Amino acid sequence: LQFLYLIGTYQGQHTHPDTMSAVSGQTLVLGAVSAMVLLGVLSSVGKSSSSAPLPSDKAAMIKRLEAEVDALKAAIGDKATASLQQQQCSKIRQESYPEVKQLSSQQKKRIVVSGGAGFVGSNLVDKLMKLGHHVIVLDNFFTGRMENIAHWMGHPNFVLLERDVSDPGLNLVVDQIYHLASPASPPHYMYDPLQTIRTNTEGTIQLGQLAKKNQARMLFTSTSEVYGDPKISPQKEDYWGNVNPVGPRSCYDEAKRLGETILYNYEKMFGTEVRIVRIFNTFGPRMHPNDGRVVSNFIIRALQGLPMEIYGDGSATRSFQYVDDLVDGIYAVMNGDVSTPVNIGNPDEYTINQFAELIKEITGSASEIKHIEASKDDPMQRKPDITKAKEMLGWEPKWTVRDGLGKAIAYFKDQLQKNGGKIDTIGQEPKKPGYLKKGA
């Protein structure tokens, strides 16, 4: 009975109490079977103990089970001390939810989103939930934030599993898998480069195995960084890139390239349906305010009247897309018929100097624009060729950069207010993701 209780408690520590019903049933059944086996052993031992010494094999079995129970108790204790995220979630659980479309059981898909508490992932979760699907979020909260998904906690279509996507043992019944897990800003992915590599390689293999087992379609979010510092512009999907394989960014660039390779080998060897999205620079609500990216740094510093720092002379170019356009593009690729890589981005290109001036204008800031030392291996040009997405999927950006920045600025103003009017930005050096004050 104690073993059964411990199994249930251990499961509860791995999922939020409001979302564990969908996954705890199987565990409790297994626990019940284990408990019955254990009780059977103890019963037979009890009958024999009054008249004869305890058989050595049964004594060994009980000793082993006692050791496993002790280990499980210790694991529960460790997990309990690290459950701050779940406690926060309990406080912010919603009693009402955004409107969700009602689907029949035949129409409703069971969809896994790794990295679903992150910037892009949580916006994708919103779309999938509102369409009426059953969504299972996998996130270790390295860069993801509980507040990004709090409005779905407790909803019968929503499950949160707090775990590292690279860890083995994921056993779910699913129809589609979106693999978005990975830090995406240079300071964050360079903080633990081996973990960044592991997430995009071992994590891709673990989800690939799940896709193979379920005959599910799997989408991998790759990046424009696979093109490195390109020698051509705009960049088309058939461009092989110009990447430094041993530079500071290589943990991300090369891991994403290998992630693509892994997925195409699942297609080749097992017939797994795969999709690849190469994401270009994206901004919008739920960006982490101190992730070190150009959009968040510029806006946060402009709103606080601080100098807006540009790495290098500002002549490098970027193409920025609003997050809603990206989410629509990812969804279109997953549910379309294109299995080769697809660029999803906005071709509207700005020099970094121009972009800083635009943000300064929209915010009405008096911030000084300041140039500092350039970052190593920072690409000089980024502009997607989206011909494939337009012609084969009917997708193209709907949001202008200016309109999207209006939404992003409103979001960052709210974040500043929640944080007492001050948020420190970070540079391009490796940095562990930081959580803001006052639950922001």
Protein backbone atom coordinates (compact mmCIF):
# COMPACT_ATOMS: atom_id res chain seq x y z
CA LEU A 1 0.00 0.00 0.00
CA GLN A 2 2.88 2.31 0.80
CA PHE A 3 4.41 1.51 -2.58
CA LEU A 4 1.10 2.37 -4.31
CA TYR A 5 0.95 5.68 -2.44
CA LEU A 6 4.52 6.53 -3.37
CA ILE A 7 3.91 5.80 -7.06
CA GLY A 8 0.93 8.15 -7.10
CA THR A 9 2.82 10.84 -5.20
CA TYR A 10 5.84 10.57 -7.49
CA GLN A 11 3.59 10.99 -10.52
CA GLY A 12 1.99 14.03 -8.92
CA GLN A 13 5.36 15.68 -8.51
CA HIS A 14 5.99 15.33 -12.27
CA THR A 15 2.74 16.89 -13.45
CA HIS A 16 0.64 19.76 -12.24
CA PRO A 17 -2.25 18.51 -10.03
CA ASP A 18 -4.82 19.97 -12.40
CA THR A 19 -3.37 18.23 -15.45
CA MET A 20 -2.20 14.91 -14.10
CA SER A 21 -5.46 13.02 -14.64
CA ALA A 22 -4.63 12.19 -18.25
CA VAL A 23 -1.31 10.60 -17.41
CA SER A 24 -1.58 9.42 -13.80
CA GLY A 25 -4.19 6.73 -14.45
CA GLN A 26 -1.74 4.37 -16.11
CA THR A 27 0.81 4.97 -13.39
CA LEU A 28 -1.70 4.25 -10.61
CA VAL A 29 -2.77 1.05 -12.33
CA LEU A 30 0.85 -0.04 -12.54
CA GLY A 31 1.28 0.95 -8.92
CA ALA A 32 -1.77 -1.09 -7.94
CA VAL A 33 -0.45 -4.15 -9.75
CA SER A 34 2.94 -3.69 -8.10
CA ALA A 35 1.28 -3.29 -4.72
CA MET A 36 -0.78 -6.46 -5.22
CA VAL A 37 2.33 -8.38 -6.18
CA LEU A 38 4.13 -7.05 -3.13
CA LEU A 39 1.19 -7.83 -0.86
CA GLY A 40 1.04 -11.34 -2.30
CA VAL A 41 4.70 -11.84 -1.53
CA LEU A 42 4.29 -10.50 1.99
CA SER A 43 1.18 -12.62 2.53
CA SER A 44 2.97 -15.79 1.53
CA VAL A 45 5.93 -14.75 3.64
CA GLY A 46 3.63 -14.16 6.61
CA LYS A 47 2.11 -17.61 6.29
CA SER A 48 5.48 -19.29 6.20
CA SER A 49 7.19 -17.18 8.85
CA SER A 50 5.39 -18.77 11.78
CA SER A 51 6.63 -22.25 11.01
CA ALA A 52 9.85 -21.88 9.09
CA PRO A 53 12.73 -19.44 8.47
CA LEU A 54 12.21 -16.86 5.72
CA PRO A 55 13.33 -18.32 2.35
CA SER A 56 16.42 -16.58 1.05
CA ASP A 57 14.88 -15.66 -2.31
CA LYS A 58 11.87 -13.98 -0.66
CA ALA A 59 14.10 -12.21 1.84
CA ALA A 60 16.19 -10.87 -1.03
CA MET A 61 13.06 -9.75 -2.89
CA ILE A 62 11.73 -7.87 0.12
CA LYS A 63 15.11 -6.27 0.74
CA ARG A 64 15.25 -5.14 -2.89
CA LEU A 65 11.71 -3.73 -2.75
CA GLU A 66 12.49 -1.90 0.48
CA ALA A 67 15.54 -0.34 -1.18
CA GLU A 68 13.43 0.74 -4.16
CA VAL A 69 10.83 2.31 -1.86
CA ASP A 70 13.60 4.20 -0.01
CA ALA A 71 15.00 5.44 -3.33
CA LEU A 72 11.54 6.51 -4.44
CA LYS A 73 11.02 8.40 -1.17
CA ALA A 74 14.29 10.24 -1.74
CA ALA A 75 13.31 11.09 -5.33
CA ILE A 76 9.98 12.46 -4.13
CA GLY A 77 11.74 14.58 -1.54
CA ASP A 78 14.14 16.01 -4.11
CA LYS A 79 11.33 16.75 -6.50
CA ALA A 80 9.22 18.37 -3.81
CA THR A 81 11.97 20.86 -3.01
CA ALA A 82 12.22 21.84 -6.68
CA SER A 83 8.52 22.40 -7.38
CA LEU A 84 8.44 26.21 -7.23
CA GLN A 85 7.17 26.38 -10.81
CA GLN A 86 4.22 24.13 -9.95
CA GLN A 87 3.39 26.14 -6.82
CA GLN A 88 3.38 29.33 -8.89
CA CYS A 89 1.13 27.62 -11.39
CA SER A 90 -1.35 26.69 -8.65
CA LYS A 91 -1.61 30.34 -7.68
CA ILE A 92 -2.31 31.53 -11.20
CA ARG A 93 -4.61 28.77 -12.38
CA GLN A 94 -7.45 30.15 -14.45
CA GLU A 95 -11.11 29.58 -13.63
CA SER A 96 -12.11 30.56 -17.17
CA TYR A 97 -10.31 29.94 -20.44
CA PRO A 98 -10.00 31.41 -23.92
CA GLU A 99 -12.70 30.18 -26.27
CA VAL A 100 -11.94 26.70 -27.64
CA LYS A 101 -13.48 25.11 -30.72
CA GLN A 102 -15.40 21.90 -30.04
CA LEU A 103 -14.15 18.98 -32.12
CA SER A 104 -15.38 15.42 -32.41
CA SER A 105 -13.11 12.66 -31.15
CA GLN A 106 -12.27 11.84 -34.79
CA GLN A 107 -11.26 15.44 -35.51
CA LYS A 108 -9.34 16.12 -32.30
CA LYS A 109 -5.60 15.40 -32.47
CA ARG A 110 -3.27 14.62 -29.58
CA ILE A 111 -0.37 16.99 -30.16
CA VAL A 112 2.97 17.23 -28.36
CA VAL A 113 4.73 20.62 -28.26
CA SER A 114 8.25 20.49 -26.83
CA GLY A 115 9.33 23.88 -25.53
CA GLY A 116 5.65 24.77 -25.26
CA ALA A 117 6.18 27.22 -22.38
CA GLY A 118 8.63 29.31 -24.39
CA PHE A 119 8.14 32.38 -26.54
CA VAL A 120 7.17 30.74 -29.84
CA GLY A 121 5.99 27.47 -28.30
CA SER A 122 3.38 29.08 -26.05
CA ASN A 123 1.97 31.11 -28.94
CA LEU A 124 1.71 27.88 -30.96
CA VAL A 125 0.00 26.17 -28.01
CA ASP A 126 -2.61 28.96 -28.02
CA LYS A 127 -3.40 28.31 -31.67
CA LEU A 128 -3.66 24.54 -31.24
CA MET A 129 -5.78 24.80 -28.09
CA LYS A 130 -8.19 27.31 -29.66
CA LEU A 131 -8.58 24.94 -32.63
CA GLY A 132 -9.84 22.33 -30.16
CA HIS A 133 -6.95 19.86 -30.06
CA HIS A 134 -5.51 18.04 -27.04
CA VAL A 135 -2.10 19.56 -26.33
CA ILE A 136 0.73 18.05 -24.27
CA VAL A 137 3.49 20.53 -23.42
CA LEU A 138 6.99 19.26 -22.63
CA ASP A 139 9.24 21.88 -21.05
CA ASN A 140 12.10 21.95 -18.54
CA PHE A 141 11.66 25.72 -17.99
CA PHE A 142 15.25 26.58 -18.83
CA THR A 143 14.00 29.49 -20.94
CA GLY A 144 10.26 28.82 -20.83
CA ARG A 145 8.04 30.60 -18.30
CA MET A 146 4.98 29.33 -16.45
CA GLU A 147 3.09 32.57 -17.03
CA ASN A 148 3.15 31.87 -20.79
CA ILE A 149 0.83 28.87 -20.36
CA ALA A 150 -0.92 29.69 -17.06
CA HIS A 151 -4.17 30.55 -18.83
CA TRP A 152 -4.54 26.91 -19.93
CA MET A 153 -3.77 25.22 -16.62
CA GLY A 154 -6.60 22.93 -15.57
CA HIS A 155 -8.22 22.83 -19.02
CA PRO A 156 -9.26 19.26 -19.93
CA ASN A 157 -7.47 19.52 -23.29
CA PHE A 158 -4.16 20.63 -21.75
CA VAL A 159 -1.37 18.64 -20.10
CA LEU A 160 1.98 19.96 -18.84
CA LEU A 161 4.89 17.57 -18.37
CA GLU A 162 7.90 19.23 -16.77
CA ARG A 163 10.82 17.27 -18.20
CA ASP A 164 13.88 17.51 -20.40
CA VAL A 165 13.05 16.44 -23.92
CA SER A 166 16.41 14.65 -24.15
CA ASP A 167 15.59 12.25 -21.34
CA PRO A 168 14.48 8.75 -22.39
CA GLY A 169 11.28 7.06 -21.34
CA LEU A 170 8.65 9.30 -22.95
CA ASN A 171 5.63 7.08 -23.58
CA LEU A 172 2.60 8.88 -25.02
CA VAL A 173 -0.09 8.29 -27.62
CA VAL A 174 0.14 11.18 -30.10
CA ASP A 175 -0.81 12.19 -33.64
CA GLN A 176 1.59 15.11 -34.20
CA ILE A 177 4.83 16.32 -32.61
CA TYR A 178 6.19 19.88 -32.78
CA HIS A 179 9.81 19.98 -31.56
CA LEU A 180 10.49 23.59 -30.53
CA ALA A 181 12.58 22.93 -27.42
CA SER A 182 15.91 24.77 -27.43
CA PRO A 183 17.30 28.06 -26.19
CA ALA A 184 17.35 30.40 -29.19
CA SER A 185 19.17 33.56 -28.12
CA PRO A 186 22.99 33.51 -28.28
CA PRO A 187 23.61 34.31 -24.58
CA HIS A 188 21.27 31.48 -23.54
CA TYR A 189 22.35 28.78 -25.98
CA MET A 190 26.03 29.54 -25.35
CA TYR A 191 25.57 29.31 -21.56
CA ASP A 192 25.45 25.48 -21.71
CA PRO A 193 26.54 24.58 -25.25
CA LEU A 194 26.52 20.83 -24.63
CA GLN A 195 22.94 20.98 -23.38
CA THR A 196 21.98 23.02 -26.45
CA ILE A 197 23.50 20.32 -28.64
CA ARG A 198 21.80 17.59 -26.63
CA THR A 199 18.37 19.21 -26.90
CA ASN A 200 18.56 19.45 -30.69
CA THR A 201 20.11 16.02 -31.25
CA GLU A 202 19.24 13.59 -28.47
CA GLY A 203 15.95 15.40 -27.97
CA THR A 204 15.20 15.03 -31.66
CA ILE A 205 15.99 11.30 -31.44
CA GLN A 206 13.72 10.82 -28.41
CA LEU A 207 10.82 12.55 -30.15
CA GLY A 208 11.68 10.76 -33.38
CA GLN A 209 11.27 7.46 -31.54
CA LEU A 210 7.91 8.63 -30.25
CA ALA A 211 6.86 9.62 -33.77
CA LYS A 212 8.03 6.27 -35.12
CA LYS A 213 6.12 4.32 -32.45
CA ASN A 214 2.89 6.27 -33.04
CA GLN A 215 3.30 6.70 -36.80
CA ALA A 216 2.92 10.41 -36.02
CA ARG A 217 4.04 13.35 -38.12
CA MET A 218 6.92 15.32 -36.58
CA LEU A 219 8.00 18.91 -37.22
CA PHE A 220 11.43 20.24 -36.22
CA THR A 221 11.98 23.96 -35.86
CA SER A 222 15.35 24.63 -37.40
CA THR A 223 16.79 28.10 -37.91
CA SER A 224 18.16 30.59 -40.41
CA GLU A 225 21.44 30.08 -38.51
CA VAL A 226 21.99 26.95 -40.61
CA TYR A 227 22.97 29.40 -43.38
CA GLY A 228 25.71 30.87 -41.17
CA ASP A 229 27.15 34.11 -42.52
CA PRO A 230 25.63 33.77 -45.99
CA LYS A 231 27.39 34.67 -49.22
CA ILE A 232 24.09 35.04 -51.07
CA SER A 233 20.94 37.04 -50.37
CA PRO A 234 18.12 36.35 -50.03
CA GLN A 235 18.76 32.85 -48.66
CA LYS A 236 16.91 30.00 -50.38
CA GLU A 237 16.37 26.57 -48.87
CA ASP A 238 18.83 24.93 -51.28
CA TYR A 239 21.71 27.14 -50.07
CA TRP A 240 24.11 25.00 -48.00
CA GLY A 241 25.36 27.89 -45.92
CA ASN A 242 28.64 29.29 -44.64
CA VAL A 243 28.95 28.11 -41.04
CA ASN A 244 31.93 28.15 -38.68
CA PRO A 245 31.75 24.63 -37.14
CA VAL A 246 33.96 25.53 -34.16
CA GLY A 247 32.86 29.11 -33.39
CA PRO A 248 30.93 30.28 -30.32
CA ARG A 249 27.60 29.94 -32.15
CA SER A 250 28.35 26.47 -33.53
CA CYS A 251 26.66 24.68 -30.62
CA TYR A 252 23.38 26.04 -31.96
CA ASP A 253 24.06 26.29 -35.70
CA GLU A 254 25.50 22.80 -36.08
CA ALA A 255 23.04 21.20 -33.64
CA LYS A 256 20.16 22.51 -35.73
CA ARG A 257 21.81 21.23 -38.91
CA LEU A 258 22.26 17.82 -37.31
CA GLY A 259 18.69 17.88 -36.03
CA GLU A 260 17.52 18.21 -39.63
CA THR A 261 19.76 15.30 -40.63
CA ILE A 262 18.41 13.11 -37.83
CA LEU A 263 14.83 13.73 -38.83
CA TYR A 264 15.43 12.98 -42.50
CA ASN A 265 17.05 9.71 -41.54
CA TYR A 266 13.90 8.77 -39.61
CA GLU A 267 12.02 9.46 -42.83
CA LYS A 268 14.45 7.38 -44.87
CA MET A 269 14.76 4.42 -42.49
CA PHE A 270 11.27 4.20 -40.95
CA GLY A 271 8.97 6.15 -43.25
CA THR A 272 8.28 8.77 -40.56
CA GLU A 273 6.46 11.83 -41.88
CA VAL A 274 8.74 14.80 -41.19
CA ARG A 275 8.55 18.55 -41.60
CA ILE A 276 11.30 21.18 -41.23
CA VAL A 277 10.82 24.92 -40.62
CA ARG A 278 13.79 27.28 -40.82
CA ILE A 279 12.85 30.23 -38.63
CA PHE A 280 14.13 33.74 -39.28
CA ASN A 281 14.27 36.51 -36.65
CA THR A 282 10.96 36.69 -34.77
CA PHE A 283 9.56 39.07 -32.17
CA GLY A 284 6.36 39.64 -30.23
CA PRO A 285 4.59 39.07 -26.91
CA ARG A 286 6.13 36.51 -24.52
CA MET A 287 9.70 37.17 -25.57
CA HIS A 288 11.86 36.98 -22.48
CA PRO A 289 12.67 40.64 -21.68
CA ASN A 290 16.32 39.95 -20.86
CA ASP A 291 17.21 37.33 -23.47
CA GLY A 292 19.83 39.53 -25.13
CA ARG A 293 18.14 39.62 -28.55
CA VAL A 294 18.18 42.80 -30.57
CA VAL A 295 14.41 43.43 -30.45
CA SER A 296 14.00 42.93 -26.71
CA ASN A 297 17.19 44.82 -25.85
CA PHE A 298 16.30 47.81 -28.03
CA ILE A 299 12.73 48.09 -26.75
CA ILE A 300 13.54 47.58 -23.06
CA ARG A 301 16.36 50.10 -23.16
CA ALA A 302 14.35 52.61 -25.21
CA LEU A 303 11.44 52.43 -22.76
CA GLN A 304 13.81 53.09 -19.86
CA GLY A 305 15.64 55.90 -21.63
CA LEU A 306 18.91 53.95 -21.62
CA PRO A 307 21.46 53.93 -24.47
CA MET A 308 20.47 51.52 -27.26
CA GLU A 309 23.61 49.50 -27.89
CA ILE A 310 24.47 48.26 -31.38
CA TYR A 311 27.17 45.64 -31.87
CA GLY A 312 29.50 46.81 -34.63
CA ASP A 313 28.79 49.66 -37.03
CA GLY A 314 25.11 48.77 -37.48
CA SER A 315 25.37 47.98 -41.19
CA ALA A 316 24.45 44.32 -40.70
CA THR A 317 20.90 43.51 -41.82
CA ARG A 318 18.08 41.48 -40.34
CA SER A 319 14.58 40.58 -41.45
CA PHE A 320 12.04 40.56 -38.61
CA GLN A 321 8.69 38.77 -38.49
CA TYR A 322 5.86 39.02 -35.97
CA VAL A 323 5.24 35.88 -33.95
CA ASP A 324 1.65 35.35 -35.19
CA ASP A 325 2.94 35.04 -38.75
CA LEU A 326 5.53 32.48 -37.63
CA VAL A 327 2.94 30.39 -35.77
CA ASP A 328 0.69 30.38 -38.84
CA GLY A 329 3.68 29.34 -40.96
CA ILE A 330 4.67 26.50 -38.63
CA TYR A 331 1.08 25.24 -38.62
CA ALA A 332 0.89 25.45 -42.41
CA VAL A 333 4.10 23.42 -42.80
CA MET A 334 2.97 20.74 -40.34
CA ASN A 335 -0.37 20.28 -42.09
CA GLY A 336 0.89 20.76 -45.64
CA ASP A 337 2.47 18.37 -48.13
CA VAL A 338 6.00 19.82 -48.22
CA SER A 339 8.52 17.55 -46.48
CA THR A 340 11.67 19.47 -47.49
CA PRO A 341 12.88 22.47 -45.43
CA VAL A 342 10.79 25.65 -45.63
CA ASN A 343 11.92 29.20 -44.77
CA ILE A 344 9.44 31.08 -42.58
CA GLY A 345 10.31 34.73 -42.21
CA ASN A 346 9.53 38.26 -43.35
CA PRO A 347 11.71 39.52 -46.23
CA ASP A 348 11.31 43.13 -45.03
CA GLU A 349 15.00 43.88 -44.42
CA TYR A 350 16.51 46.53 -42.12
CA THR A 351 20.03 47.49 -41.18
CA ILE A 352 20.44 47.38 -37.41
CA ASN A 353 20.89 51.15 -37.46
CA GLN A 354 17.55 51.59 -39.26
CA PHE A 355 15.83 49.19 -36.88
CA ALA A 356 17.10 51.06 -33.81
CA GLU A 357 15.81 54.34 -35.24
CA LEU A 358 12.41 52.76 -35.97
CA ILE A 359 12.02 51.54 -32.38
CA LYS A 360 13.17 54.89 -31.05
CA GLU A 361 10.53 56.60 -33.19
CA ILE A 362 7.65 54.29 -32.20
CA THR A 363 8.47 54.42 -28.47
CA GLY A 364 9.07 58.17 -28.53
CA SER A 365 12.33 57.56 -26.68
CA ALA A 366 15.16 60.02 -26.28
CA SER A 367 17.67 57.19 -25.88
CA GLU A 368 21.13 57.61 -27.36
CA ILE A 369 22.16 55.07 -30.01
CA LYS A 370 25.57 53.75 -29.07
CA HIS A 371 27.93 51.48 -31.05
CA ILE A 372 30.02 48.89 -29.22
CA GLU A 373 32.35 46.05 -30.22
CA ALA A 374 30.90 43.58 -32.73
CA SER A 375 30.03 40.03 -31.71
CA LYS A 376 32.14 37.15 -33.05
CA ASP A 377 30.61 35.27 -36.02
CA ASP A 378 27.56 37.54 -36.06
CA PRO A 379 26.11 37.22 -39.61
CA MET A 380 26.22 40.34 -41.75
CA GLN A 381 22.98 39.62 -43.60
CA ARG A 382 19.70 37.81 -43.02
CA LYS A 383 16.88 37.84 -45.55
CA PRO A 384 14.67 34.83 -46.35
CA ASP A 385 13.52 33.78 -49.78
CA ILE A 386 9.94 32.66 -49.02
CA THR A 387 8.96 31.66 -52.55
CA LYS A 388 8.50 28.02 -51.53
CA ALA A 389 6.19 28.88 -48.62
CA LYS A 390 4.12 31.23 -50.79
CA GLU A 391 3.77 28.94 -53.80
CA MET A 392 3.51 25.52 -52.12
CA LEU A 393 1.74 26.39 -48.85
CA GLY A 394 -0.04 29.66 -49.57
CA TRP A 395 1.72 31.32 -46.63
CA GLU A 396 3.20 34.79 -46.42
CA PRO A 397 3.49 37.38 -43.64
CA LYS A 398 0.39 39.40 -42.81
CA TRP A 399 1.88 41.69 -40.18
CA THR A 400 4.03 44.69 -41.03
CA VAL A 401 7.09 45.16 -38.85
CA ARG A 402 5.74 48.49 -37.60
CA ASP A 403 2.36 47.03 -36.55
CA GLY A 404 4.05 44.06 -34.88
CA LEU A 405 6.40 46.36 -32.98
CA GLY A 406 3.38 48.21 -31.60
CA LYS A 407 2.17 44.93 -30.02
CA ALA A 408 5.65 44.03 -28.79
CA ILE A 409 6.21 47.45 -27.20
CA ALA A 410 2.87 47.21 -25.35
CA TYR A 411 3.94 43.79 -24.03
CA PHE A 412 7.32 45.05 -22.83
CA LYS A 413 5.69 48.06 -21.15
CA ASP A 414 3.55 45.60 -19.18
CA GLN A 415 6.62 43.56 -18.26
CA LEU A 416 8.38 46.68 -17.02
CA GLN A 417 5.39 47.63 -14.89
CA LYS A 418 5.28 44.15 -13.35
CA ASN A 419 8.97 44.40 -12.59
CA GLY A 420 8.82 47.73 -10.80
CA GLY A 421 9.81 49.84 -13.80
CA LYS A 422 13.28 48.38 -14.24
CA ILE A 423 14.62 45.43 -16.25
CA ASP A 424 18.32 44.89 -16.86
CA THR A 425 19.24 43.77 -20.36
CA ILE A 426 22.14 41.43 -21.09
CA GLY A 427 24.88 41.49 -23.70
CA GLN A 428 26.16 38.74 -25.99
CA GLU A 429 28.23 36.88 -23.43
CA PRO A 430 26.95 33.44 -22.27
CA LYS A 431 24.31 33.99 -19.62
CA LYS A 432 21.91 31.75 -17.72
CA PRO A 433 18.27 32.77 -18.32
CA GLY A 434 17.11 35.00 -15.50
CA TYR A 435 13.63 35.24 -14.05
CA LEU A 436 12.18 38.64 -13.39
CA LYS A 437 10.94 40.06 -10.11
CA LYS A 438 7.35 40.09 -8.88
CA GLY A 439 6.29 37.15 -11.03
CA ALA A 440 6.94 39.01 -14.26
